Amino acid sequence: ATDGKAGDGTASAKDVFVKRIFRVADQQEVADMLGNKIRDEQNALHLCQAKVQQRKLAMRVTDAEFQFDRRKLTFYFTASRRVDFRELVRDLFKHFKTRIWMCQLDG
């Protein structure tokens, strides 16, 4: 396409944003980042469990997982029947300001 927009679904040269790498992270930085991520996931899990109890939802939240870039937070839960957790997701979004995913586990 001559207007800079690819018509076949592929990105044009204008749409590609390459981030510059300044240096490789050392072992301590990686350990600190992973430690912070684990701590934040545990805090998110406890907050979600408290909100589930507060709303008296028939579900059990078992785990929370942040994407490495913190753009998505996934909560894993079990429930014996369908649960309407739309208000819970709104509350969690207000607190974390990131995309919230709820993933039901078998069981």
N, C-alpha and C. Protein backbone atom coordinates (compact mmCIF):
# COMPACT_ATOMS: atom_id res chain seq x y z
N ALA A 1 0.84 -1.18 0.00
CA ALA A 1 0.00 0.00 0.00
C ALA A 1 0.88 1.24 0.00
N THR A 2 0.47 2.25 -0.69
CA THR A 2 1.28 3.46 -0.81
C THR A 2 1.01 4.45 0.31
N ASP A 3 -0.05 4.27 1.07
CA ASP A 3 -0.38 5.21 2.13
C ASP A 3 0.24 4.84 3.47
N GLY A 4 1.14 3.85 3.49
CA GLY A 4 1.79 3.46 4.74
C GLY A 4 1.01 2.45 5.55
N LYS A 5 -0.15 2.02 5.04
CA LYS A 5 -0.97 1.04 5.74
C LYS A 5 -0.95 -0.24 4.93
N ALA A 6 -0.60 -1.31 5.59
CA ALA A 6 -0.56 -2.59 4.88
C ALA A 6 -1.97 -3.14 4.78
N GLY A 7 -2.39 -3.46 3.58
CA GLY A 7 -3.74 -3.95 3.35
C GLY A 7 -3.88 -5.44 3.57
N ASP A 8 -2.77 -6.16 3.68
CA ASP A 8 -2.85 -7.61 3.82
C ASP A 8 -2.76 -8.07 5.27
N GLY A 9 -2.86 -7.17 6.22
CA GLY A 9 -2.85 -7.55 7.63
C GLY A 9 -1.46 -7.54 8.25
N THR A 10 -0.42 -7.27 7.47
CA THR A 10 0.92 -7.21 8.01
C THR A 10 1.25 -5.78 8.41
N ALA A 11 2.18 -5.64 9.33
CA ALA A 11 2.56 -4.31 9.80
C ALA A 11 3.52 -3.67 8.80
N SER A 12 3.37 -2.39 8.60
CA SER A 12 4.28 -1.67 7.73
C SER A 12 5.48 -1.22 8.54
N ALA A 13 6.47 -0.66 7.87
CA ALA A 13 7.68 -0.21 8.55
C ALA A 13 7.36 0.90 9.55
N LYS A 14 6.33 1.68 9.32
CA LYS A 14 5.93 2.75 10.24
C LYS A 14 5.39 2.19 11.56
N ASP A 15 4.77 1.01 11.51
CA ASP A 15 4.09 0.45 12.68
C ASP A 15 5.02 -0.30 13.62
N VAL A 16 6.27 -0.52 13.23
CA VAL A 16 7.18 -1.31 14.05
C VAL A 16 7.93 -0.39 14.99
N PHE A 17 7.84 -0.68 16.29
CA PHE A 17 8.53 0.10 17.30
C PHE A 17 9.55 -0.81 17.99
N VAL A 18 10.81 -0.56 17.73
CA VAL A 18 11.87 -1.37 18.31
C VAL A 18 12.42 -0.64 19.53
N LYS A 19 12.44 -1.34 20.66
CA LYS A 19 12.99 -0.73 21.87
C LYS A 19 14.49 -0.99 21.93
N ARG A 20 15.20 -0.04 22.42
CA ARG A 20 16.65 -0.14 22.50
C ARG A 20 17.04 -0.90 23.77
N ILE A 21 17.97 -1.81 23.62
CA ILE A 21 18.49 -2.57 24.76
C ILE A 21 19.78 -1.90 25.18
N PHE A 22 19.86 -1.46 26.43
CA PHE A 22 21.04 -0.77 26.92
C PHE A 22 22.09 -1.74 27.46
N ARG A 23 21.63 -2.78 28.17
CA ARG A 23 22.55 -3.78 28.70
C ARG A 23 21.73 -4.98 29.16
N VAL A 24 22.41 -6.07 29.40
CA VAL A 24 21.76 -7.28 29.90
C VAL A 24 21.64 -7.15 31.42
N ALA A 25 20.48 -7.52 31.94
CA ALA A 25 20.27 -7.47 33.39
C ALA A 25 21.17 -8.48 34.08
N ASP A 26 21.71 -8.08 35.24
CA ASP A 26 22.55 -9.03 35.97
C ASP A 26 21.69 -9.93 36.85
N GLN A 27 22.31 -10.93 37.45
CA GLN A 27 21.59 -11.94 38.25
C GLN A 27 20.79 -11.31 39.39
N GLN A 28 21.36 -10.33 40.05
CA GLN A 28 20.69 -9.69 41.19
C GLN A 28 19.44 -8.94 40.74
N GLU A 29 19.52 -8.23 39.63
CA GLU A 29 18.36 -7.50 39.11
C GLU A 29 17.23 -8.45 38.73
N VAL A 30 17.58 -9.55 38.10
CA VAL A 30 16.57 -10.54 37.72
C VAL A 30 15.93 -11.13 38.97
N ALA A 31 16.74 -11.47 39.97
CA ALA A 31 16.21 -12.03 41.23
C ALA A 31 15.29 -11.02 41.92
N ASP A 32 15.69 -9.75 41.93
CA ASP A 32 14.85 -8.71 42.56
C ASP A 32 13.52 -8.56 41.83
N MET A 33 13.56 -8.55 40.50
CA MET A 33 12.33 -8.40 39.72
C MET A 33 11.39 -9.58 39.92
N LEU A 34 11.95 -10.78 39.92
CA LEU A 34 11.11 -11.96 40.14
C LEU A 34 10.56 -11.99 41.56
N GLY A 35 11.37 -11.58 42.54
CA GLY A 35 10.89 -11.51 43.92
C GLY A 35 9.75 -10.52 44.07
N ASN A 36 9.89 -9.35 43.44
CA ASN A 36 8.81 -8.35 43.47
C ASN A 36 7.55 -8.87 42.80
N LYS A 37 7.73 -9.57 41.68
CA LYS A 37 6.58 -10.11 40.95
C LYS A 37 5.84 -11.14 41.81
N ILE A 38 6.57 -12.02 42.45
CA ILE A 38 5.96 -13.04 43.32
C ILE A 38 5.24 -12.38 44.48
N ARG A 39 5.87 -11.38 45.11
CA ARG A 39 5.25 -10.67 46.24
C ARG A 39 3.96 -9.97 45.80
N ASP A 40 4.00 -9.31 44.64
CA ASP A 40 2.81 -8.61 44.13
C ASP A 40 1.69 -9.60 43.78
N GLU A 41 2.06 -10.77 43.26
CA GLU A 41 1.05 -11.79 42.96
C GLU A 41 0.40 -12.31 44.23
N GLN A 42 1.16 -12.49 45.28
CA GLN A 42 0.59 -12.94 46.55
C GLN A 42 -0.34 -11.88 47.13
N ASN A 43 0.07 -10.62 47.07
CA ASN A 43 -0.80 -9.53 47.55
C ASN A 43 -2.08 -9.46 46.73
N ALA A 44 -1.98 -9.63 45.42
CA ALA A 44 -3.16 -9.61 44.56
C ALA A 44 -4.09 -10.77 44.90
N LEU A 45 -3.52 -11.94 45.15
CA LEU A 45 -4.32 -13.11 45.51
C LEU A 45 -5.09 -12.86 46.81
N HIS A 46 -4.42 -12.33 47.82
CA HIS A 46 -5.09 -12.07 49.10
C HIS A 46 -6.19 -11.02 48.96
N LEU A 47 -5.92 -9.98 48.17
CA LEU A 47 -6.94 -8.95 47.96
C LEU A 47 -8.15 -9.53 47.23
N CYS A 48 -7.91 -10.34 46.20
CA CYS A 48 -9.01 -10.94 45.46
C CYS A 48 -9.82 -11.88 46.35
N GLN A 49 -9.15 -12.68 47.16
CA GLN A 49 -9.86 -13.58 48.07
C GLN A 49 -10.72 -12.79 49.06
N ALA A 50 -10.22 -11.66 49.55
CA ALA A 50 -11.00 -10.83 50.46
C ALA A 50 -12.22 -10.24 49.76
N LYS A 51 -12.05 -9.81 48.52
CA LYS A 51 -13.18 -9.24 47.77
C LYS A 51 -14.22 -10.32 47.46
N VAL A 52 -13.78 -11.55 47.19
CA VAL A 52 -14.71 -12.67 46.95
C VAL A 52 -15.53 -12.93 48.21
N GLN A 53 -14.90 -12.94 49.37
CA GLN A 53 -15.63 -13.14 50.63
C GLN A 53 -16.58 -11.99 50.89
N GLN A 54 -16.13 -10.78 50.64
CA GLN A 54 -16.95 -9.59 50.85
C GLN A 54 -18.22 -9.64 49.99
N ARG A 55 -18.07 -10.09 48.76
CA ARG A 55 -19.21 -10.18 47.83
C ARG A 55 -19.98 -11.49 47.95
N LYS A 56 -19.50 -12.39 48.79
CA LYS A 56 -20.14 -13.69 49.04
C LYS A 56 -20.35 -14.47 47.73
N LEU A 57 -19.28 -14.53 46.93
CA LEU A 57 -19.33 -15.27 45.67
C LEU A 57 -19.00 -16.74 45.93
N ALA A 58 -19.64 -17.63 45.22
CA ALA A 58 -19.45 -19.07 45.39
C ALA A 58 -18.28 -19.54 44.53
N MET A 59 -17.10 -19.06 44.88
CA MET A 59 -15.90 -19.44 44.15
C MET A 59 -14.71 -19.41 45.09
N ARG A 60 -13.66 -20.13 44.71
CA ARG A 60 -12.44 -20.19 45.52
C ARG A 60 -11.28 -19.78 44.62
N VAL A 61 -10.67 -18.64 44.91
CA VAL A 61 -9.54 -18.14 44.13
C VAL A 61 -8.28 -18.85 44.63
N THR A 62 -7.56 -19.49 43.70
CA THR A 62 -6.43 -20.33 44.10
C THR A 62 -5.07 -19.73 43.75
N ASP A 63 -5.01 -18.85 42.74
CA ASP A 63 -3.71 -18.32 42.34
C ASP A 63 -3.89 -17.01 41.57
N ALA A 64 -2.84 -16.21 41.55
CA ALA A 64 -2.81 -14.98 40.77
C ALA A 64 -1.48 -14.93 40.04
N GLU A 65 -1.52 -14.41 38.81
CA GLU A 65 -0.30 -14.36 38.01
C GLU A 65 -0.26 -13.09 37.17
N PHE A 66 0.77 -12.28 37.38
CA PHE A 66 1.01 -11.11 36.55
C PHE A 66 1.78 -11.54 35.32
N GLN A 67 1.47 -10.94 34.17
CA GLN A 67 2.35 -11.07 33.03
C GLN A 67 3.62 -10.33 33.37
N PHE A 68 4.72 -10.69 32.74
CA PHE A 68 6.00 -10.08 33.11
C PHE A 68 5.99 -8.56 32.91
N ASP A 69 5.26 -8.07 31.90
CA ASP A 69 5.20 -6.63 31.65
C ASP A 69 4.10 -5.93 32.46
N ARG A 70 3.40 -6.68 33.31
CA ARG A 70 2.34 -6.16 34.20
C ARG A 70 1.14 -5.60 33.45
N ARG A 71 0.93 -6.02 32.21
CA ARG A 71 -0.24 -5.53 31.46
C ARG A 71 -1.47 -6.39 31.68
N LYS A 72 -1.29 -7.57 32.26
CA LYS A 72 -2.43 -8.46 32.49
C LYS A 72 -2.22 -9.19 33.80
N LEU A 73 -3.29 -9.30 34.58
CA LEU A 73 -3.29 -10.02 35.84
C LEU A 73 -4.35 -11.11 35.74
N THR A 74 -3.93 -12.36 35.86
CA THR A 74 -4.84 -13.50 35.73
C THR A 74 -5.09 -14.10 37.10
N PHE A 75 -6.36 -14.30 37.42
CA PHE A 75 -6.75 -15.00 38.65
C PHE A 75 -7.31 -16.36 38.28
N TYR A 76 -6.84 -17.39 38.94
CA TYR A 76 -7.32 -18.76 38.72
C TYR A 76 -8.26 -19.12 39.86
N PHE A 77 -9.41 -19.72 39.52
CA PHE A 77 -10.40 -20.03 40.54
C PHE A 77 -11.10 -21.34 40.22
N THR A 78 -11.73 -21.89 41.25
CA THR A 78 -12.60 -23.06 41.08
C THR A 78 -13.99 -22.68 41.56
N ALA A 79 -14.98 -23.27 40.92
CA ALA A 79 -16.38 -23.04 41.31
C ALA A 79 -17.19 -24.23 40.81
N SER A 80 -18.20 -24.59 41.59
CA SER A 80 -19.02 -25.73 41.22
C SER A 80 -20.11 -25.37 40.21
N ARG A 81 -20.39 -24.07 40.10
CA ARG A 81 -21.40 -23.62 39.13
C ARG A 81 -20.99 -22.25 38.59
N ARG A 82 -21.76 -21.75 37.68
CA ARG A 82 -21.45 -20.47 37.05
C ARG A 82 -21.50 -19.34 38.08
N VAL A 83 -20.53 -18.44 38.00
CA VAL A 83 -20.44 -17.32 38.93
C VAL A 83 -20.40 -16.02 38.14
N ASP A 84 -21.21 -15.06 38.55
CA ASP A 84 -21.19 -13.74 37.92
C ASP A 84 -20.18 -12.88 38.67
N PHE A 85 -18.99 -12.74 38.10
CA PHE A 85 -17.93 -12.01 38.79
C PHE A 85 -17.61 -10.67 38.11
N ARG A 86 -18.55 -10.13 37.37
CA ARG A 86 -18.30 -8.87 36.66
C ARG A 86 -17.97 -7.72 37.60
N GLU A 87 -18.70 -7.61 38.70
CA GLU A 87 -18.43 -6.54 39.67
C GLU A 87 -17.07 -6.74 40.35
N LEU A 88 -16.71 -7.99 40.60
CA LEU A 88 -15.40 -8.30 41.17
C LEU A 88 -14.29 -7.83 40.23
N VAL A 89 -14.44 -8.09 38.95
CA VAL A 89 -13.43 -7.68 37.98
C VAL A 89 -13.34 -6.15 37.93
N ARG A 90 -14.45 -5.47 38.03
CA ARG A 90 -14.43 -4.00 38.04
C ARG A 90 -13.67 -3.49 39.26
N ASP A 91 -13.93 -4.09 40.44
CA ASP A 91 -13.22 -3.69 41.65
C ASP A 91 -11.72 -3.93 41.52
N LEU A 92 -11.36 -5.08 40.98
CA LEU A 92 -9.94 -5.42 40.82
C LEU A 92 -9.27 -4.48 39.82
N PHE A 93 -9.98 -4.13 38.74
CA PHE A 93 -9.42 -3.21 37.77
C PHE A 93 -9.17 -1.84 38.40
N LYS A 94 -10.12 -1.37 39.21
CA LYS A 94 -9.96 -0.07 39.87
C LYS A 94 -8.71 -0.06 40.75
N HIS A 95 -8.42 -1.19 41.36
CA HIS A 95 -7.27 -1.25 42.27
C HIS A 95 -5.95 -1.42 41.51
N PHE A 96 -5.89 -2.33 40.55
CA PHE A 96 -4.64 -2.67 39.89
C PHE A 96 -4.37 -1.90 38.59
N LYS A 97 -5.39 -1.29 38.00
CA LYS A 97 -5.26 -0.51 36.76
C LYS A 97 -4.58 -1.32 35.65
N THR A 98 -4.98 -2.55 35.51
CA THR A 98 -4.47 -3.41 34.46
C THR A 98 -5.56 -4.37 34.02
N ARG A 99 -5.35 -5.03 32.89
CA ARG A 99 -6.34 -5.99 32.39
C ARG A 99 -6.47 -7.15 33.38
N ILE A 100 -7.71 -7.52 33.70
CA ILE A 100 -7.99 -8.60 34.63
C ILE A 100 -8.60 -9.76 33.87
N TRP A 101 -8.04 -10.96 34.05
CA TRP A 101 -8.58 -12.17 33.45
C TRP A 101 -8.94 -13.12 34.58
N MET A 102 -10.09 -13.77 34.45
CA MET A 102 -10.50 -14.80 35.39
C MET A 102 -10.49 -16.12 34.65
N CYS A 103 -9.76 -17.09 35.19
CA CYS A 103 -9.61 -18.38 34.51
C CYS A 103 -10.10 -19.49 35.45
N GLN A 104 -11.16 -20.21 35.04
CA GLN A 104 -11.71 -21.26 35.87
C GLN A 104 -10.93 -22.55 35.64
N LEU A 105 -10.53 -23.18 36.74
CA LEU A 105 -9.82 -24.44 36.70
C LEU A 105 -10.82 -25.58 36.86
N ASP A 106 -10.52 -26.72 36.31
CA ASP A 106 -11.38 -27.89 36.46
C ASP A 106 -11.37 -28.33 37.91
N GLY A 107 -12.52 -28.82 38.36
CA GLY A 107 -12.54 -29.34 39.72
C GLY A 107 -13.68 -28.96 40.52
